[in-house]
Amino acid sequence: MDYLDNVLEKVRELFRKLIEALLGPEPEAEPEPIPVPVNDSPRRR
């Protein structure tokens, strides 16, 4: 069964490379925006 597992793994890798070549790499998740504190109170002069 080890031989069969190795063959299946190679086939999976081949299909992954083929799909990546046709469709481009897998999209990466966009990073979460970092909240920036904002002081909304009116300025005193």
N, C-alpha and C. Protein backbone atom coordinates (compact mmCIF):
# COMPACT_ATOMS: atom_id res chain seq x y z
N MET A 1 0.82 -1.20 0.00
CA MET A 1 0.00 0.00 0.00
C MET A 1 0.86 1.27 0.00
N ASP A 2 2.07 1.15 0.48
CA ASP A 2 2.95 2.32 0.49
C ASP A 2 3.19 2.84 -0.92
N TYR A 3 3.36 1.92 -1.85
CA TYR A 3 3.59 2.31 -3.24
C TYR A 3 2.38 3.06 -3.78
N LEU A 4 1.19 2.55 -3.48
CA LEU A 4 -0.04 3.18 -3.95
C LEU A 4 -0.21 4.57 -3.35
N ASP A 5 0.11 4.70 -2.07
CA ASP A 5 0.03 6.02 -1.41
C ASP A 5 1.00 7.01 -2.06
N ASN A 6 2.19 6.55 -2.39
CA ASN A 6 3.17 7.43 -3.03
C ASN A 6 2.69 7.87 -4.41
N VAL A 7 2.10 6.94 -5.15
CA VAL A 7 1.59 7.28 -6.48
C VAL A 7 0.46 8.29 -6.38
N LEU A 8 -0.45 8.07 -5.44
CA LEU A 8 -1.57 9.01 -5.26
C LEU A 8 -1.07 10.39 -4.86
N GLU A 9 -0.07 10.45 -4.01
CA GLU A 9 0.49 11.74 -3.59
C GLU A 9 1.12 12.47 -4.77
N LYS A 10 1.83 11.74 -5.62
CA LYS A 10 2.44 12.34 -6.81
C LYS A 10 1.36 12.86 -7.77
N VAL A 11 0.26 12.09 -7.92
CA VAL A 11 -0.83 12.52 -8.81
C VAL A 11 -1.49 13.78 -8.25
N ARG A 12 -1.71 13.82 -6.94
CA ARG A 12 -2.29 15.02 -6.31
C ARG A 12 -1.41 16.23 -6.56
N GLU A 13 -0.10 16.07 -6.38
CA GLU A 13 0.84 17.18 -6.58
C GLU A 13 0.83 17.63 -8.04
N LEU A 14 0.77 16.68 -8.96
CA LEU A 14 0.72 17.01 -10.37
C LEU A 14 -0.53 17.82 -10.72
N PHE A 15 -1.69 17.37 -10.21
CA PHE A 15 -2.93 18.11 -10.47
C PHE A 15 -2.91 19.48 -9.82
N ARG A 16 -2.34 19.59 -8.63
CA ARG A 16 -2.26 20.89 -7.96
C ARG A 16 -1.42 21.86 -8.80
N LYS A 17 -0.28 21.37 -9.31
CA LYS A 17 0.58 22.22 -10.14
C LYS A 17 -0.12 22.59 -11.45
N LEU A 18 -0.85 21.64 -12.03
CA LEU A 18 -1.57 21.91 -13.27
C LEU A 18 -2.64 22.98 -13.07
N ILE A 19 -3.43 22.83 -12.03
CA ILE A 19 -4.49 23.81 -11.75
C ILE A 19 -3.89 25.17 -11.42
N GLU A 20 -2.78 25.18 -10.66
CA GLU A 20 -2.13 26.44 -10.34
C GLU A 20 -1.61 27.13 -11.61
N ALA A 21 -1.10 26.34 -12.55
CA ALA A 21 -0.60 26.90 -13.80
C ALA A 21 -1.75 27.47 -14.64
N LEU A 22 -2.90 26.81 -14.62
CA LEU A 22 -4.03 27.27 -15.42
C LEU A 22 -4.77 28.44 -14.79
N LEU A 23 -4.97 28.40 -13.48
CA LEU A 23 -5.81 29.40 -12.81
C LEU A 23 -5.01 30.40 -11.99
N GLY A 24 -3.74 30.20 -11.85
CA GLY A 24 -2.93 31.07 -11.01
C GLY A 24 -2.86 30.49 -9.61
N PRO A 25 -2.00 31.03 -8.77
CA PRO A 25 -1.86 30.51 -7.41
C PRO A 25 -3.12 30.71 -6.59
N GLU A 26 -3.25 29.94 -5.52
CA GLU A 26 -4.41 30.07 -4.65
C GLU A 26 -4.43 31.48 -4.06
N PRO A 27 -5.59 32.09 -4.02
CA PRO A 27 -5.66 33.44 -3.46
C PRO A 27 -5.36 33.41 -1.96
N GLU A 28 -4.59 34.39 -1.54
CA GLU A 28 -4.27 34.50 -0.12
C GLU A 28 -5.34 35.36 0.55
N ALA A 29 -5.61 35.04 1.79
CA ALA A 29 -6.59 35.81 2.54
C ALA A 29 -6.07 37.24 2.74
N GLU A 30 -6.96 38.20 2.58
CA GLU A 30 -6.55 39.59 2.78
C GLU A 30 -6.30 39.83 4.26
N PRO A 31 -5.24 40.55 4.59
CA PRO A 31 -4.96 40.81 6.00
C PRO A 31 -6.05 41.69 6.61
N GLU A 32 -6.31 41.46 7.87
CA GLU A 32 -7.30 42.27 8.59
C GLU A 32 -6.77 43.69 8.74
N PRO A 33 -7.61 44.70 8.46
CA PRO A 33 -7.14 46.09 8.67
C PRO A 33 -6.94 46.36 10.16
N ILE A 34 -5.92 47.14 10.46
CA ILE A 34 -5.63 47.49 11.84
C ILE A 34 -6.41 48.75 12.18
N PRO A 35 -7.24 48.69 13.23
CA PRO A 35 -8.00 49.89 13.60
C PRO A 35 -7.06 50.98 14.12
N VAL A 36 -7.28 52.18 13.64
CA VAL A 36 -6.48 53.32 14.07
C VAL A 36 -7.36 54.21 14.92
N PRO A 37 -6.94 54.48 16.16
CA PRO A 37 -7.76 55.34 17.01
C PRO A 37 -7.81 56.77 16.46
N VAL A 38 -9.00 57.33 16.49
CA VAL A 38 -9.21 58.69 15.98
C VAL A 38 -9.87 59.51 17.06
N ASN A 39 -9.31 60.67 17.31
CA ASN A 39 -9.88 61.57 18.31
C ASN A 39 -10.89 62.47 17.59
N ASP A 40 -12.19 62.20 17.79
CA ASP A 40 -13.23 62.96 17.11
C ASP A 40 -13.72 64.18 17.91
N SER A 41 -13.16 64.42 19.06
CA SER A 41 -13.62 65.56 19.86
C SER A 41 -13.16 66.87 19.21
N PRO A 42 -13.96 67.93 19.37
CA PRO A 42 -13.57 69.23 18.77
C PRO A 42 -12.29 69.76 19.42
N ARG A 43 -11.47 70.39 18.62
CA ARG A 43 -10.21 70.94 19.13
C ARG A 43 -10.48 72.27 19.84
N ARG A 44 -9.76 72.48 20.94
CA ARG A 44 -9.88 73.76 21.66
C ARG A 44 -8.66 74.60 21.34
N ARG A 45 -8.90 75.90 21.13
CA ARG A 45 -7.78 76.81 20.86
C ARG A 45 -7.82 77.97 21.77
